[in-house]
Each structure stands twice: as C-alpha cells, then as structure tokens.
Amino acid sequence: MGEVAKLFYQGHASVRITTVEGKTIYVDPFAGAGYDVPGRIILRPGEELKIEK
C-alpha cells in the first residue's frame, strides 16, 4: 500500500489533514493550540473557501 493522507483531531469538530504532498487542510478550525502548521486550505462552515497560495 502506498502513502496516505494523515488525519489529526484538533478538538471540538476541527480536524487537520496533511496530504501525501505535504499540504495542510483545516476543517472547521477552532481557537486554541495545535494550529502551528500553516494551512493551504481552510474550510469553515458558512464561509467562503479560503486557499492560501
């Protein structure tokens, strides 16, 4: 089996996904610790999609 993305529980409903290519995606980020890795894509319910270049 090849490499797979990694899923990290951030707390509350928030998760961080790190892709095989090293890109970071935050889903429903919450204030607190554990957000030290810059996110390329940040998904928040009820808001527009934010993609960092």
C-alpha atoms as a PDB file:
ATOM      1  CA  MET A   1       0.000   0.000   0.000  1.00  0.00           C
ATOM      2  CA  GLY A   2       1.299   3.488  -0.858  1.00  0.00           C
ATOM      3  CA  GLU A   3       1.385   6.578   1.282  1.00  0.00           C
ATOM      4  CA  VAL A   4      -1.880   8.007   2.591  1.00  0.00           C
ATOM      5  CA  ALA A   5      -3.018  11.360   3.977  1.00  0.00           C
ATOM      6  CA  LYS A   6      -2.849  11.839   7.752  1.00  0.00           C
ATOM      7  CA  LEU A   7      -5.827  12.982   9.799  1.00  0.00           C
ATOM      8  CA  PHE A   8      -5.326  14.796  13.127  1.00  0.00           C
ATOM      9  CA  TYR A   9      -8.105  15.592  15.595  1.00  0.00           C
ATOM     10  CA  GLN A  10      -7.707  19.246  16.636  1.00  0.00           C
ATOM     11  CA  GLY A  11     -10.564  19.411  19.150  1.00  0.00           C
ATOM     12  CA  HIS A  12     -14.312  20.111  19.007  1.00  0.00           C
ATOM     13  CA  ALA A  13     -15.308  19.470  15.367  1.00  0.00           C
ATOM     14  CA  SER A  14     -11.933  20.550  13.972  1.00  0.00           C
ATOM     15  CA  VAL A  15      -9.549  18.286  12.074  1.00  0.00           C
ATOM     16  CA  ARG A  16      -6.279  18.808  10.208  1.00  0.00           C
ATOM     17  CA  ILE A  17      -5.480  16.784   7.119  1.00  0.00           C
ATOM     18  CA  THR A  18      -1.913  16.518   5.845  1.00  0.00           C
ATOM     19  CA  THR A  19      -1.744  15.212   2.279  1.00  0.00           C
ATOM     20  CA  VAL A  20       0.962  12.956   0.888  1.00  0.00           C
ATOM     21  CA  GLU A  21       2.328  16.046  -0.917  1.00  0.00           C
ATOM     22  CA  GLY A  22       2.670  17.851   2.433  1.00  0.00           C
ATOM     23  CA  LYS A  23      -0.270  20.239   2.009  1.00  0.00           C
ATOM     24  CA  THR A  24      -2.308  21.063   5.109  1.00  0.00           C
ATOM     25  CA  ILE A  25      -6.103  21.356   5.160  1.00  0.00           C
ATOM     26  CA  TYR A  26      -8.009  22.570   8.220  1.00  0.00           C
ATOM     27  CA  VAL A  27     -11.694  21.708   8.557  1.00  0.00           C
ATOM     28  CA  ASP A  28     -13.727  23.878  10.961  1.00  0.00           C
ATOM     29  CA  PRO A  29     -10.723  25.351  12.834  1.00  0.00           C
ATOM     30  CA  PHE A  30     -11.264  26.355  16.461  1.00  0.00           C
ATOM     31  CA  ALA A  31      -9.231  28.798  18.563  1.00  0.00           C
ATOM     32  CA  GLY A  32      -6.595  27.057  20.636  1.00  0.00           C
ATOM     33  CA  ALA A  33      -3.349  25.138  20.404  1.00  0.00           C
ATOM     34  CA  GLY A  34      -2.297  22.876  17.549  1.00  0.00           C
ATOM     35  CA  TYR A  35      -2.607  25.298  14.641  1.00  0.00           C
ATOM     36  CA  ASP A  36       1.108  25.975  14.257  1.00  0.00           C
ATOM     37  CA  VAL A  37       1.232  24.350  10.786  1.00  0.00           C
ATOM     38  CA  PRO A  38       0.203  26.827   8.054  1.00  0.00           C
ATOM     39  CA  GLY A  39      -2.907  25.648   6.212  1.00  0.00           C
ATOM     40  CA  ARG A  40      -3.214  25.835   2.419  1.00  0.00           C
ATOM     41  CA  ILE A  41      -6.957  25.215   2.519  1.00  0.00           C
ATOM     42  CA  ILE A  42      -9.207  26.256   5.394  1.00  0.00           C
ATOM     43  CA  LEU A  43     -12.818  25.058   5.374  1.00  0.00           C
ATOM     44  CA  ARG A  44     -15.254  26.785   7.742  1.00  0.00           C
ATOM     45  CA  PRO A  45     -18.988  26.100   7.781  1.00  0.00           C
ATOM     46  CA  GLY A  46     -20.953  29.033   6.378  1.00  0.00           C
ATOM     47  CA  GLU A  47     -17.908  30.845   4.935  1.00  0.00           C
ATOM     48  CA  GLU A  48     -16.259  31.019   1.530  1.00  0.00           C
ATOM     49  CA  LEU A  49     -13.468  28.600   0.677  1.00  0.00           C
ATOM     50  CA  LYS A  50     -10.034  30.069   1.564  1.00  0.00           C
ATOM     51  CA  ILE A  51      -6.975  28.755  -0.305  1.00  0.00           C
ATOM     52  CA  GLU A  52      -3.504  30.090   0.511  1.00  0.00           C
ATOM     53  CA  LYS A  53      -1.063  30.224  -2.394  1.00  0.00           C
END
